Each structure stands twice: as C-alpha cells, then as structure tokens.
N, C-alpha and C. Protein backbone atom coordinates (compact mmCIF):
# COMPACT_ATOMS: atom_id res chain seq x y z
N MET A 1 60.69 183.96 148.77
CA MET A 1 61.72 185.10 149.07
C MET A 1 61.55 185.34 150.60
N LEU A 2 60.34 185.64 151.00
CA LEU A 2 60.25 186.05 152.45
C LEU A 2 60.68 184.70 153.52
N ALA A 3 60.50 183.66 153.13
CA ALA A 3 60.88 182.52 153.86
C ALA A 3 62.46 182.76 153.92
N LEU A 4 63.16 183.00 152.85
CA LEU A 4 64.57 182.89 152.94
C LEU A 4 65.24 184.10 153.77
N TRP A 5 64.44 185.23 153.65
CA TRP A 5 64.82 186.42 154.52
C TRP A 5 64.54 185.98 156.24
N CYS A 6 63.62 185.40 156.31
CA CYS A 6 63.20 185.04 157.83
C CYS A 6 64.33 184.10 158.24
N GLY A 7 64.64 183.05 157.61
CA GLY A 7 65.52 182.08 157.85
C GLY A 7 67.00 182.63 158.19
N ALA A 8 67.47 183.54 157.37
CA ALA A 8 68.64 184.26 157.47
C ALA A 8 68.57 185.25 158.69
N PHE A 9 67.44 185.74 159.08
CA PHE A 9 67.27 186.45 160.13
C PHE A 9 67.41 185.69 161.39
N LEU A 10 66.81 184.65 161.38
CA LEU A 10 66.58 183.78 162.61
C LEU A 10 67.94 183.20 162.67
N MET A 11 68.77 182.79 161.91
CA MET A 11 70.28 182.15 161.91
C MET A 11 71.36 183.18 162.49
N SER A 12 70.90 184.56 162.27
CA SER A 12 71.91 185.32 162.38
C SER A 12 71.96 185.64 164.09
N GLY A 13 71.08 185.10 164.86
CA GLY A 13 70.92 185.29 166.24
C GLY A 13 70.12 186.49 166.93
N CYS A 14 69.39 187.09 165.67
CA CYS A 14 68.75 188.20 166.16
C CYS A 14 69.47 189.27 166.89
N SER A 15 70.83 189.24 166.56
CA SER A 15 71.83 190.47 167.06
C SER A 15 71.18 191.90 166.92
N GLY A 16 71.27 192.64 167.84
CA GLY A 16 70.83 194.03 167.97
C GLY A 16 69.50 194.27 168.30
N PHE A 17 68.68 193.23 168.98
CA PHE A 17 67.42 193.22 169.35
C PHE A 17 67.55 192.55 170.77
N ALA A 18 68.21 193.28 171.60
CA ALA A 18 68.40 192.52 172.90
C ALA A 18 67.07 193.33 173.79
N PRO A 19 66.59 192.60 174.79
CA PRO A 19 65.24 192.88 175.49
C PRO A 19 65.55 194.23 176.30
N ALA A 20 64.74 194.88 176.59
CA ALA A 20 64.94 196.26 177.44
C ALA A 20 65.01 195.49 179.08
N PRO A 21 65.93 196.19 179.64
CA PRO A 21 65.64 195.49 181.05
C PRO A 21 64.48 195.89 181.81
N ILE A 22 64.19 195.23 182.74
CA ILE A 22 63.01 195.22 183.41
C ILE A 22 63.38 195.91 184.60
N PRO A 23 62.76 196.85 185.09
CA PRO A 23 63.13 197.91 186.27
C PRO A 23 62.67 197.01 187.55
N VAL A 24 63.57 197.01 188.57
CA VAL A 24 63.46 196.47 189.75
C VAL A 24 62.34 197.24 190.79
N THR A 25 61.51 196.80 191.41
CA THR A 25 60.56 197.45 192.34
C THR A 25 61.00 196.91 193.82
N TYR A 26 61.43 197.78 194.74
CA TYR A 26 61.67 197.39 196.16
C TYR A 26 60.34 197.93 196.83
N LEU A 27 60.14 197.08 197.94
CA LEU A 27 59.02 197.06 198.75
C LEU A 27 59.60 197.53 199.83
N SER A 28 59.09 198.36 200.82
CA SER A 28 59.38 198.73 202.16
C SER A 28 59.23 197.90 203.27
N GLN A 29 58.23 196.81 203.02
CA GLN A 29 58.13 195.98 203.93
C GLN A 29 57.72 194.43 203.52
N ASP A 30 57.70 193.46 204.03
CA ASP A 30 57.30 191.96 203.67
C ASP A 30 55.94 192.19 203.08
N PRO A 31 55.55 191.21 201.93
CA PRO A 31 54.02 191.15 201.68
C PRO A 31 53.27 190.43 202.62
N PRO A 32 52.23 190.84 203.02
CA PRO A 32 51.48 189.59 204.03
C PRO A 32 51.36 188.31 203.53
N PRO A 33 51.23 187.37 204.53
CA PRO A 33 51.27 186.11 203.98
C PRO A 33 50.24 185.93 203.14
N GLY A 34 50.32 184.88 202.11
CA GLY A 34 49.39 184.63 201.10
C GLY A 34 49.32 185.64 199.79
N ARG A 35 50.02 186.70 200.14
CA ARG A 35 50.28 187.73 199.04
C ARG A 35 51.28 187.58 197.89
N LEU A 36 52.15 186.88 198.22
CA LEU A 36 53.37 186.50 197.49
C LEU A 36 53.19 184.88 196.86
N PRO A 37 52.75 184.92 195.62
CA PRO A 37 52.23 183.61 195.14
C PRO A 37 53.66 182.76 194.81
N LEU A 38 53.35 181.61 194.97
CA LEU A 38 54.51 180.40 195.05
C LEU A 38 55.28 180.69 193.61
N GLY A 39 56.77 180.74 194.04
CA GLY A 39 57.73 181.12 193.06
C GLY A 39 57.88 182.46 192.62
N GLU A 40 57.13 183.44 192.80
CA GLU A 40 56.96 184.82 192.76
C GLU A 40 58.41 185.34 193.65
N THR A 41 59.05 186.33 192.92
CA THR A 41 59.89 187.00 193.71
C THR A 41 59.91 188.54 194.32
N ALA A 42 60.09 188.91 195.35
CA ALA A 42 59.96 190.16 195.63
C ALA A 42 61.17 190.69 196.36
N TYR A 43 61.57 191.95 196.23
CA TYR A 43 62.74 192.62 196.84
C TYR A 43 62.21 193.63 197.75
N VAL A 44 62.63 193.38 199.02
CA VAL A 44 62.44 194.51 200.29
C VAL A 44 63.38 194.88 200.77
N ASP A 45 63.63 196.60 200.67
CA ASP A 45 64.42 197.35 201.29
C ASP A 45 63.83 198.06 202.64
N ASP A 46 64.08 197.02 203.77
CA ASP A 46 63.48 197.47 204.95
C ASP A 46 64.93 197.75 205.99
N GLY A 47 66.10 197.97 205.41
CA GLY A 47 67.17 198.03 206.30
C GLY A 47 67.65 197.02 207.23
N ARG A 48 67.04 195.83 206.88
CA ARG A 48 67.69 194.56 207.84
C ARG A 48 68.66 193.88 207.20
N CYS A 49 69.25 194.17 205.95
CA CYS A 49 70.23 193.54 205.44
C CYS A 49 71.55 194.50 205.47
N PRO A 50 72.73 193.85 205.13
CA PRO A 50 73.92 194.73 205.26
C PRO A 50 73.99 195.69 204.27
N PRO A 51 74.60 197.07 204.29
CA PRO A 51 74.73 197.77 203.08
C PRO A 51 75.06 197.39 202.05
N GLY A 52 74.36 197.86 200.65
CA GLY A 52 74.22 197.26 199.42
C GLY A 52 73.62 196.06 199.06
N GLN A 53 72.82 195.58 200.21
CA GLN A 53 71.98 194.27 199.90
C GLN A 53 70.49 194.84 200.37
N VAL A 54 69.85 193.99 199.78
CA VAL A 54 68.41 193.82 199.92
C VAL A 54 67.77 192.52 200.25
N LYS A 55 66.49 192.39 200.88
CA LYS A 55 66.07 191.14 201.13
C LYS A 55 65.32 190.47 199.83
N ARG A 56 65.63 189.45 199.53
CA ARG A 56 64.82 188.61 198.21
C ARG A 56 63.89 187.53 198.86
N LEU A 57 62.72 187.64 198.68
CA LEU A 57 61.49 186.92 199.07
C LEU A 57 61.25 185.88 197.86
N ILE A 58 60.97 184.74 198.07
CA ILE A 58 60.67 183.81 197.06
C ILE A 58 59.32 182.94 197.58
N GLY A 59 58.28 183.56 196.89
CA GLY A 59 56.83 183.11 197.54
C GLY A 59 56.60 181.37 197.68
N GLY A 60 56.09 181.20 198.80
CA GLY A 60 55.73 179.82 199.31
C GLY A 60 54.45 179.39 198.96
N ASP A 61 53.98 178.43 199.62
CA ASP A 61 52.53 178.03 199.72
C ASP A 61 52.11 177.43 200.93
N ALA A 62 51.58 178.08 201.82
CA ALA A 62 51.15 177.68 203.26
C ALA A 62 50.25 176.37 203.13
N LYS A 63 49.34 176.18 202.37
CA LYS A 63 48.26 175.00 202.14
C LYS A 63 49.23 173.66 201.74
N HIS A 64 50.47 173.84 201.04
CA HIS A 64 51.38 172.66 200.75
C HIS A 64 52.40 172.71 201.38
N ASN A 65 52.68 173.52 202.51
CA ASN A 65 53.73 173.48 203.37
C ASN A 65 54.92 173.97 202.65
N VAL A 66 54.96 174.84 201.85
CA VAL A 66 56.34 175.37 201.10
C VAL A 66 56.38 176.56 201.55
N PRO A 67 57.65 176.80 202.53
CA PRO A 67 57.89 177.93 203.21
C PRO A 67 58.29 179.25 202.15
N ARG A 68 58.26 180.32 202.44
CA ARG A 68 58.74 181.25 201.50
C ARG A 68 60.38 181.30 201.78
N LYS A 69 61.30 181.61 200.72
CA LYS A 69 62.74 181.58 200.92
C LYS A 69 62.82 183.02 201.18
N VAL A 70 63.92 183.30 202.19
CA VAL A 70 64.14 184.66 202.28
C VAL A 70 65.79 184.68 202.76
N GLU A 71 66.24 185.66 201.85
CA GLU A 71 67.94 185.70 201.98
C GLU A 71 68.18 187.21 201.46
N CYS A 72 69.42 187.61 202.06
CA CYS A 72 70.15 189.07 201.69
C CYS A 72 70.93 188.73 200.30
N VAL A 73 70.42 189.60 199.41
CA VAL A 73 71.43 189.27 198.26
C VAL A 73 71.77 191.08 197.85
N ALA A 74 72.86 190.95 196.76
CA ALA A 74 73.16 192.21 196.37
C ALA A 74 72.12 192.79 195.55
N ARG A 75 72.14 193.94 195.83
CA ARG A 75 70.81 194.90 195.06
C ARG A 75 70.88 194.75 193.45
N PRO A 76 69.72 194.24 193.08
CA PRO A 76 69.97 193.85 191.59
C PRO A 76 69.85 195.15 190.99
N GLN A 77 70.57 195.27 189.64
CA GLN A 77 70.78 196.54 189.08
C GLN A 77 69.90 196.75 187.94
C-alpha cells in the first residue's frame, strides 16, 4: 500500500512543495584572488555597475589559467 501511495505522490509532480528561495548575499567589494572557488558565483554591489545592476563574479582558477568572469547583471530577486 505504501508503494502505491509513494508512486502516486511522485507521479503528481510533488505539487505544492516548491523549494524556498535562497536569499542572495551582496558583497561590498570583490573577494581577494583565490577566495572564490572555480565556478562559484558572488554578487558585488560596489557601485561600479549601472543603477539596478550588480557585478556578478564567477570564480576562476589561476593555477589552470581560468580567469574569473565578471559582468554587470540585473539585481537578482
């Protein structure tokens, strides 16, 4: 009986169980080199981007010559 209930629950798409949004943390300055791991994202609100936007950093790896990616993006909600 439990197996039937579990199967029906999974087939329903788990409606009504949306994950809670993760709050975005904004830094006031760029993290020092080596402190943002490869592929990790950080948002920096240092006033260098146009109004309504923040700087998005995606960590690189200096040892493997992978630079950080930096761009201004709309402020995540």
